[in-house]
PDB file of N, CA and C in Angstrom:
ATOM      1  N   UNK A   1     118.435 199.172  14.644  1.00  0.00           N
ATOM      2  CA  UNK A   1     117.904 198.156  13.749  1.00  0.00           C
ATOM      3  C   UNK A   1     117.827 196.825  14.485  1.00  0.00           C
ATOM      4  N   UNK A   2     116.656 196.241  14.521  1.00  0.00           N
ATOM      5  CA  UNK A   2     116.475 194.951  15.186  1.00  0.00           C
ATOM      6  C   UNK A   2     116.704 193.825  14.177  1.00  0.00           C
ATOM      7  N   UNK A   3     117.483 192.847  14.599  1.00  0.00           N
ATOM      8  CA  UNK A   3     117.759 191.690  13.757  1.00  0.00           C
ATOM      9  C   UNK A   3     116.666 190.648  13.940  1.00  0.00           C
ATOM     10  N   UNK A   4     116.491 189.804  12.949  1.00  0.00           N
ATOM     11  CA  UNK A   4     115.551 188.692  13.061  1.00  0.00           C
ATOM     12  C   UNK A   4     116.261 187.544  13.757  1.00  0.00           C
ATOM     13  N   UNK A   5     115.727 187.132  14.872  1.00  0.00           N
ATOM     14  CA  UNK A   5     116.342 186.056  15.657  1.00  0.00           C
ATOM     15  C   UNK A   5     115.707 184.731  15.255  1.00  0.00           C
ATOM     16  N   UNK A   6     116.562 183.738  15.051  1.00  0.00           N
ATOM     17  CA  UNK A   6     116.086 182.426  14.630  1.00  0.00           C
ATOM     18  C   UNK A   6     116.350 181.402  15.732  1.00  0.00           C
ATOM     19  N   UNK A   7     115.292 180.825  16.308  1.00  0.00           N
ATOM     20  CA  UNK A   7     115.478 179.801  17.338  1.00  0.00           C
ATOM     21  C   UNK A   7     115.743 178.426  16.726  1.00  0.00           C
ATOM     22  N   UNK A   8     116.526 177.633  17.417  1.00  0.00           N
ATOM     23  CA  UNK A   8     116.741 176.253  16.994  1.00  0.00           C
ATOM     24  C   UNK A   8     115.619 175.390  17.570  1.00  0.00           C
ATOM     25  N   UNK A   9     115.517 174.171  17.080  1.00  0.00           N
ATOM     26  CA  UNK A   9     114.487 173.253  17.594  1.00  0.00           C
ATOM     27  C   UNK A   9     114.738 172.926  19.058  1.00  0.00           C
ATOM     28  N   UNK A  10     116.007 172.813  19.427  1.00  0.00           N
ATOM     29  CA  UNK A  10     116.350 172.528  20.822  1.00  0.00           C
ATOM     30  C   UNK A  10     115.898 173.671  21.731  1.00  0.00           C
ATOM     31  N   UNK A  11     116.096 174.909  21.292  1.00  0.00           N
ATOM     32  CA  UNK A  11     115.652 176.051  22.075  1.00  0.00           C
ATOM     33  C   UNK A  11     114.128 176.040  22.229  1.00  0.00           C
ATOM     34  N   UNK A  12     113.414 175.804  21.141  1.00  0.00           N
ATOM     35  CA  UNK A  12     111.954 175.781  21.203  1.00  0.00           C
ATOM     36  C   UNK A  12     111.449 174.699  22.146  1.00  0.00           C
ATOM     37  N   UNK A  13     112.103 173.541  22.138  1.00  0.00           N
ATOM     38  CA  UNK A  13     111.730 172.440  23.025  1.00  0.00           C
ATOM     39  C   UNK A  13     111.948 172.847  24.487  1.00  0.00           C
ATOM     40  N   UNK A  14     113.103 173.443  24.796  1.00  0.00           N
ATOM     41  CA  UNK A  14     113.395 173.897  26.161  1.00  0.00           C
ATOM     42  C   UNK A  14     112.449 175.017  26.578  1.00  0.00           C
ATOM     43  N   UNK A  15     112.133 175.916  25.652  1.00  0.00           N
ATOM     44  CA  UNK A  15     111.290 177.072  25.949  1.00  0.00           C
ATOM     45  C   UNK A  15     109.882 176.641  26.352  1.00  0.00           C
ATOM     46  N   UNK A  16     109.359 175.595  25.736  1.00  0.00           N
ATOM     47  CA  UNK A  16     108.015 175.105  26.066  1.00  0.00           C
ATOM     48  C   UNK A  16     107.936 174.533  27.478  1.00  0.00           C
ATOM     49  N   UNK A  17     109.055 174.109  28.035  1.00  0.00           N
ATOM     50  CA  UNK A  17     109.078 173.523  29.384  1.00  0.00           C
ATOM     51  C   UNK A  17     108.994 174.574  30.486  1.00  0.00           C
ATOM     52  N   UNK A  18     109.185 175.838  30.147  1.00  0.00           N
ATOM     53  CA  UNK A  18     109.272 176.912  31.128  1.00  0.00           C
ATOM     54  C   UNK A  18     107.885 177.519  31.365  1.00  0.00           C
ATOM     55  N   UNK A  19     107.623 177.964  32.597  1.00  0.00           N
ATOM     56  CA  UNK A  19     106.323 178.567  32.906  1.00  0.00           C
ATOM     57  C   UNK A  19     106.138 179.900  32.167  1.00  0.00           C
ATOM     58  N   UNK A  20     104.893 180.347  32.057  1.00  0.00           N
ATOM     59  CA  UNK A  20     104.565 181.512  31.224  1.00  0.00           C
ATOM     60  C   UNK A  20     105.200 182.810  31.734  1.00  0.00           C
ATOM     61  N   UNK A  21     105.337 182.976  33.054  1.00  0.00           N
ATOM     62  CA  UNK A  21     105.966 184.185  33.601  1.00  0.00           C
ATOM     63  C   UNK A  21     107.415 184.297  33.116  1.00  0.00           C
ATOM     64  N   UNK A  22     108.133 183.187  33.193  1.00  0.00           N
ATOM     65  CA  UNK A  22     109.532 183.192  32.772  1.00  0.00           C
ATOM     66  C   UNK A  22     109.636 183.335  31.257  1.00  0.00           C
ATOM     67  N   UNK A  23     108.699 182.800  30.523  1.00  0.00           N
ATOM     68  CA  UNK A  23     108.701 182.953  29.069  1.00  0.00           C
ATOM     69  C   UNK A  23     108.595 184.427  28.675  1.00  0.00           C
ATOM     70  N   UNK A  24     107.773 185.181  29.398  1.00  0.00           N
ATOM     71  CA  UNK A  24     107.639 186.614  29.115  1.00  0.00           C
ATOM     72  C   UNK A  24     108.947 187.345  29.376  1.00  0.00           C
ATOM     73  N   UNK A  25     109.633 186.985  30.474  1.00  0.00           N
ATOM     74  CA  UNK A  25     110.928 187.601  30.783  1.00  0.00           C
ATOM     75  C   UNK A  25     111.956 187.275  29.701  1.00  0.00           C
ATOM     76  N   UNK A  26     111.932 186.031  29.231  1.00  0.00           N
ATOM     77  CA  UNK A  26     112.865 185.608  28.183  1.00  0.00           C
ATOM     78  C   UNK A  26     112.593 186.385  26.892  1.00  0.00           C
ATOM     79  N   UNK A  27     111.334 186.568  26.552  1.00  0.00           N
ATOM     80  CA  UNK A  27     110.988 187.298  25.332  1.00  0.00           C
ATOM     81  C   UNK A  27     111.485 188.739  25.387  1.00  0.00           C
ATOM     82  N   UNK A  28     111.413 189.370  26.564  1.00  0.00           N
ATOM     83  CA  UNK A  28     111.935 190.738  26.715  1.00  0.00           C
ATOM     84  C   UNK A  28     113.438 190.767  26.470  1.00  0.00           C
ATOM     85  N   UNK A  29     114.155 189.813  27.055  1.00  0.00           N
ATOM     86  CA  UNK A  29     115.610 189.757  26.874  1.00  0.00           C
ATOM     87  C   UNK A  29     115.984 189.459  25.426  1.00  0.00           C
ATOM     88  N   UNK A  30     115.193 188.632  24.780  1.00  0.00           N
ATOM     89  CA  UNK A  30     115.465 188.302  23.390  1.00  0.00           C
ATOM     90  C   UNK A  30     115.339 189.554  22.519  1.00  0.00           C
ATOM     91  N   UNK A  31     114.410 190.433  22.865  1.00  0.00           N
ATOM     92  CA  UNK A  31     114.284 191.694  22.130  1.00  0.00           C
ATOM     93  C   UNK A  31     115.541 192.544  22.283  1.00  0.00           C
ATOM     94  N   UNK A  32     116.160 192.518  23.479  1.00  0.00           N
ATOM     95  CA  UNK A  32     117.424 193.226  23.688  1.00  0.00           C
ATOM     96  C   UNK A  32     118.526 192.630  22.811  1.00  0.00           C
ATOM     97  N   UNK A  33     118.532 191.312  22.702  1.00  0.00           N
ATOM     98  CA  UNK A  33     119.513 190.640  21.850  1.00  0.00           C
ATOM     99  C   UNK A  33     119.294 191.039  20.394  1.00  0.00           C
ATOM    100  N   UNK A  34     118.046 191.161  19.986  1.00  0.00           N
ATOM    101  CA  UNK A  34     117.740 191.544  18.611  1.00  0.00           C
ATOM    102  C   UNK A  34     118.248 192.947  18.293  1.00  0.00           C
ATOM    103  N   UNK A  35     118.254 193.823  19.277  1.00  0.00           N
ATOM    104  CA  UNK A  35     118.726 195.187  19.065  1.00  0.00           C
ATOM    105  C   UNK A  35     120.246 195.245  18.903  1.00  0.00           C
ATOM    106  N   UNK A  36     120.976 194.513  19.758  1.00  0.00           N
ATOM    107  CA  UNK A  36     122.433 194.555  19.706  1.00  0.00           C
ATOM    108  C   UNK A  36     123.008 193.228  20.211  1.00  0.00           C
ATOM    109  N   UNK A  37     123.119 192.219  19.359  1.00  0.00           N
ATOM    110  CA  UNK A  37     123.578 190.900  19.805  1.00  0.00           C
ATOM    111  C   UNK A  37     125.060 190.839  20.172  1.00  0.00           C
ATOM    112  N   UNK A  38     125.857 191.789  19.731  1.00  0.00           N
ATOM    113  CA  UNK A  38     127.291 191.729  19.977  1.00  0.00           C
ATOM    114  C   UNK A  38     127.690 192.176  21.375  1.00  0.00           C
ATOM    115  N   UNK A  39     126.803 192.788  22.128  1.00  0.00           N
ATOM    116  CA  UNK A  39     127.179 193.350  23.416  1.00  0.00           C
ATOM    117  C   UNK A  39     127.123 192.350  24.572  1.00  0.00           C
ATOM    118  N   UNK A  40     126.644 191.159  24.341  1.00  0.00           N
ATOM    119  CA  UNK A  40     126.475 190.183  25.419  1.00  0.00           C
ATOM    120  C   UNK A  40     127.729 189.353  25.640  1.00  0.00           C
ATOM    121  N   UNK A  41     127.807 188.752  26.814  1.00  0.00           N
ATOM    122  CA  UNK A  41     128.969 187.994  27.270  1.00  0.00           C
ATOM    123  C   UNK A  41     129.271 186.810  26.352  1.00  0.00           C
ATOM    124  N   UNK A  42     130.511 186.732  25.890  1.00  0.00           N
ATOM    125  CA  UNK A  42     130.949 185.627  25.034  1.00  0.00           C
ATOM    126  C   UNK A  42     131.426 184.467  25.893  1.00  0.00           C
ATOM    127  N   UNK A  43     131.187 183.264  25.411  1.00  0.00           N
ATOM    128  CA  UNK A  43     131.551 182.054  26.132  1.00  0.00           C
ATOM    129  C   UNK A  43     132.979 181.644  25.766  1.00  0.00           C
ATOM    130  N   UNK A  44     133.496 180.613  26.461  1.00  0.00           N
ATOM    131  CA  UNK A  44     134.854 180.126  26.246  1.00  0.00           C
ATOM    132  C   UNK A  44     134.832 178.625  25.938  1.00  0.00           C
ATOM    133  N   UNK A  45     135.978 178.114  25.602  1.00  0.00           N
ATOM    134  CA  UNK A  45     136.225 176.692  25.383  1.00  0.00           C
ATOM    135  C   UNK A  45     135.311 176.114  24.301  1.00  0.00           C
ATOM    136  N   UNK A  46     134.513 175.094  24.627  1.00  0.00           N
ATOM    137  CA  UNK A  46     133.677 174.426  23.632  1.00  0.00           C
ATOM    138  C   UNK A  46     132.590 175.347  23.064  1.00  0.00           C
ATOM    139  N   UNK A  47     132.197 176.337  23.826  1.00  0.00           N
ATOM    140  CA  UNK A  47     131.132 177.243  23.395  1.00  0.00           C
ATOM    141  C   UNK A  47     131.676 178.600  22.946  1.00  0.00           C
ATOM    142  N   UNK A  48     132.887 178.638  22.451  1.00  0.00           N
ATOM    143  CA  UNK A  48     133.565 179.910  22.183  1.00  0.00           C
ATOM    144  C   UNK A  48     132.877 180.777  21.132  1.00  0.00           C
ATOM    145  N   UNK A  49     132.062 180.197  20.262  1.00  0.00           N
ATOM    146  CA  UNK A  49     131.362 180.988  19.255  1.00  0.00           C
ATOM    147  C   UNK A  49     129.979 181.430  19.718  1.00  0.00           C
ATOM    148  N   UNK A  50     129.670 181.196  20.986  1.00  0.00           N
ATOM    149  CA  UNK A  50     128.347 181.511  21.516  1.00  0.00           C
ATOM    150  C   UNK A  50     128.417 182.617  22.557  1.00  0.00           C
ATOM    151  N   UNK A  51     127.256 183.171  22.853  1.00  0.00           N
ATOM    152  CA  UNK A  51     127.113 184.181  23.903  1.00  0.00           C
ATOM    153  C   UNK A  51     126.034 183.707  24.862  1.00  0.00           C
ATOM    154  N   UNK A  52     125.937 184.377  26.004  1.00  0.00           N
ATOM    155  CA  UNK A  52     124.912 183.990  26.972  1.00  0.00           C
ATOM    156  C   UNK A  52     124.272 185.224  27.581  1.00  0.00           C
ATOM    157  N   UNK A  53     123.038 185.028  28.022  1.00  0.00           N
ATOM    158  CA  UNK A  53     122.361 186.033  28.834  1.00  0.00           C
ATOM    159  C   UNK A  53     121.742 185.316  30.023  1.00  0.00           C
ATOM    160  N   UNK A  54     121.748 185.953  31.169  1.00  0.00           N
ATOM    161  CA  UNK A  54     121.161 185.425  32.394  1.00  0.00           C
ATOM    162  C   UNK A  54     119.750 185.947  32.534  1.00  0.00           C
ATOM    163  N   UNK A  55     118.844 185.069  32.931  1.00  0.00           N
ATOM    164  CA  UNK A  55     117.488 185.459  33.301  1.00  0.00           C
ATOM    165  C   UNK A  55     117.128 184.631  34.518  1.00  0.00           C
ATOM    166  N   UNK A  56     117.252 185.232  35.679  1.00  0.00           N
ATOM    167  CA  UNK A  56     117.047 184.475  36.909  1.00  0.00           C
ATOM    168  C   UNK A  56     118.106 183.392  37.013  1.00  0.00           C
ATOM    169  N   UNK A  57     117.661 182.142  37.158  1.00  0.00           N
ATOM    170  CA  UNK A  57     118.601 181.023  37.222  1.00  0.00           C
ATOM    171  C   UNK A  57     118.798 180.356  35.866  1.00  0.00           C
ATOM    172  N   UNK A  58     118.222 180.923  34.840  1.00  0.00           N
ATOM    173  CA  UNK A  58     118.345 180.362  33.493  1.00  0.00           C
ATOM    174  C   UNK A  58     119.398 181.108  32.698  1.00  0.00           C
ATOM    175  N   UNK A  59     120.018 180.399  31.778  1.00  0.00           N
ATOM    176  CA  UNK A  59     120.925 181.017  30.814  1.00  0.00           C
ATOM    177  C   UNK A  59     120.387 180.723  29.428  1.00  0.00           C
ATOM    178  N   UNK A  60     120.385 181.727  28.604  1.00  0.00           N
ATOM    179  CA  UNK A  60     120.014 181.555  27.210  1.00  0.00           C
ATOM    180  C   UNK A  60     121.308 181.611  26.414  1.00  0.00           C
ATOM    181  N   UNK A  61     121.602 180.553  25.690  1.00  0.00           N
ATOM    182  CA  UNK A  61     122.806 180.477  24.877  1.00  0.00           C
ATOM    183  C   UNK A  61     122.412 180.806  23.436  1.00  0.00           C
ATOM    184  N   UNK A  62     123.116 181.757  22.846  1.00  0.00           N
ATOM    185  CA  UNK A  62     122.846 182.100  21.459  1.00  0.00           C
ATOM    186  C   UNK A  62     124.151 182.357  20.733  1.00  0.00           C
ATOM    187  N   UNK A  63     124.102 182.238  19.427  1.00  0.00           N
ATOM    188  CA  UNK A  63     125.269 182.541  18.596  1.00  0.00           C
ATOM    189  C   UNK A  63     124.880 183.646  17.633  1.00  0.00           C
ATOM    190  N   UNK A  64     125.891 184.275  17.066  1.00  0.00           N
ATOM    191  CA  UNK A  64     125.661 185.404  16.176  1.00  0.00           C
ATOM    192  C   UNK A  64     126.552 185.261  14.959  1.00  0.00           C
ATOM    193  N   UNK A  65     125.942 185.178  13.799  1.00  0.00           N
ATOM    194  CA  UNK A  65     126.686 185.088  12.547  1.00  0.00           C
ATOM    195  C   UNK A  65     126.956 186.508  12.058  1.00  0.00           C
ATOM    196  N   UNK A  66     128.213 186.941  12.146  1.00  0.00           N
ATOM    197  CA  UNK A  66     128.573 188.315  11.780  1.00  0.00           C
ATOM    198  C   UNK A  66     128.411 188.578  10.286  1.00  0.00           C
ATOM    199  N   UNK A  67     128.645 187.574   9.462  1.00  0.00           N
ATOM    200  CA  UNK A  67     128.518 187.764   8.017  1.00  0.00           C
ATOM    201  C   UNK A  67     127.054 187.943   7.596  1.00  0.00           C
ATOM    202  N   UNK A  68     126.182 187.090   8.112  1.00  0.00           N
ATOM    203  CA  UNK A  68     124.762 187.172   7.775  1.00  0.00           C
ATOM    204  C   UNK A  68     124.015 188.158   8.672  1.00  0.00           C
ATOM    205  N   UNK A  69     124.648 188.518   9.791  1.00  0.00           N
ATOM    206  CA  UNK A  69     124.042 189.390  10.804  1.00  0.00           C
ATOM    207  C   UNK A  69     122.734 188.807  11.329  1.00  0.00           C
ATOM    208  N   UNK A  70     122.821 187.524  11.731  1.00  0.00           N
ATOM    209  CA  UNK A  70     121.664 186.820  12.260  1.00  0.00           C
ATOM    210  C   UNK A  70     122.018 186.156  13.591  1.00  0.00           C
ATOM    211  N   UNK A  71     121.305 186.472  14.661  1.00  0.00           N
ATOM    212  CA  UNK A  71     121.477 185.735  15.915  1.00  0.00           C
ATOM    213  C   UNK A  71     120.621 184.462  15.913  1.00  0.00           C
ATOM    214  N   UNK A  72     121.151 183.392  16.492  1.00  0.00           N
ATOM    215  CA  UNK A  72     120.467 182.110  16.588  1.00  0.00           C
ATOM    216  C   UNK A  72     120.344 181.728  18.059  1.00  0.00           C
ATOM    217  N   UNK A  73     119.133 181.513  18.535  1.00  0.00           N
ATOM    218  CA  UNK A  73     118.917 181.040  19.895  1.00  0.00           C
ATOM    219  C   UNK A  73     119.180 179.548  19.903  1.00  0.00           C
ATOM    220  N   UNK A  74     120.137 179.123  20.728  1.00  0.00           N
ATOM    221  CA  UNK A  74     120.548 177.722  20.695  1.00  0.00           C
ATOM    222  C   UNK A  74     119.880 176.872  21.755  1.00  0.00           C
ATOM    223  N   UNK A  75     119.923 177.300  23.014  1.00  0.00           N
ATOM    224  CA  UNK A  75     119.341 176.467  24.064  1.00  0.00           C
ATOM    225  C   UNK A  75     119.103 177.269  25.332  1.00  0.00           C
ATOM    226  N   UNK A  76     118.275 176.706  26.202  1.00  0.00           N
ATOM    227  CA  UNK A  76     118.034 177.235  27.531  1.00  0.00           C
ATOM    228  C   UNK A  76     118.765 176.313  28.490  1.00  0.00           C
ATOM    229  N   UNK A  77     119.604 176.885  29.337  1.00  0.00           N
ATOM    230  CA  UNK A  77     120.375 176.092  30.297  1.00  0.00           C
ATOM    231  C   UNK A  77     119.789 176.337  31.673  1.00  0.00           C
ATOM    232  N   UNK A  78     119.422 175.268  32.345  1.00  0.00           N
ATOM    233  CA  UNK A  78     118.886 175.343  33.686  1.00  0.00           C
ATOM    234  C   UNK A  78     120.014 175.163  34.672  1.00  0.00           C
ATOM    235  N   UNK A  79     120.419 176.219  35.349  1.00  0.00           N
ATOM    236  CA  UNK A  79     121.560 176.169  36.262  1.00  0.00           C
ATOM    237  C   UNK A  79     122.854 176.236  35.513  1.00  0.00           C
ATOM    238  N   UNK A  80     123.787 175.351  35.810  1.00  0.00           N
ATOM    239  CA  UNK A  80     125.112 175.387  35.210  1.00  0.00           C
ATOM    240  C   UNK A  80     125.381 174.180  34.313  1.00  0.00           C
ATOM    241  N   UNK A  81     124.367 173.502  33.864  1.00  0.00           N
ATOM    242  CA  UNK A  81     124.540 172.277  33.088  1.00  0.00           C
ATOM    243  C   UNK A  81     124.505 172.589  31.605  1.00  0.00           C
ATOM    244  N   UNK A  82     125.672 172.637  30.968  1.00  0.00           N
ATOM    245  CA  UNK A  82     125.773 172.983  29.560  1.00  0.00           C
ATOM    246  C   UNK A  82     125.709 171.798  28.618  1.00  0.00           C
ATOM    247  N   UNK A  83     125.437 170.611  29.092  1.00  0.00           N
ATOM    248  CA  UNK A  83     125.459 169.431  28.222  1.00  0.00           C
ATOM    249  C   UNK A  83     124.382 169.475  27.207  1.00  0.00           C
TER     250      UNK A  83
END
């Protein structure tokens, strides 16, 4: 069962900055997240309720609401800058 993924405005803004080739790769990974969002790497410290996926040098940060069973795409991180 694929879940409906909801992007935040910050994610959409970051996503528009990326070239079309990388956008296609991100969309494929997002489909994997929709299938099983709980299997991805969980973050620590300030981002403890979030998960991440790597795509090249980019990280996609997303959270998953277990009660509503909805994943939320939060932001695209370029390199290691989580600010």
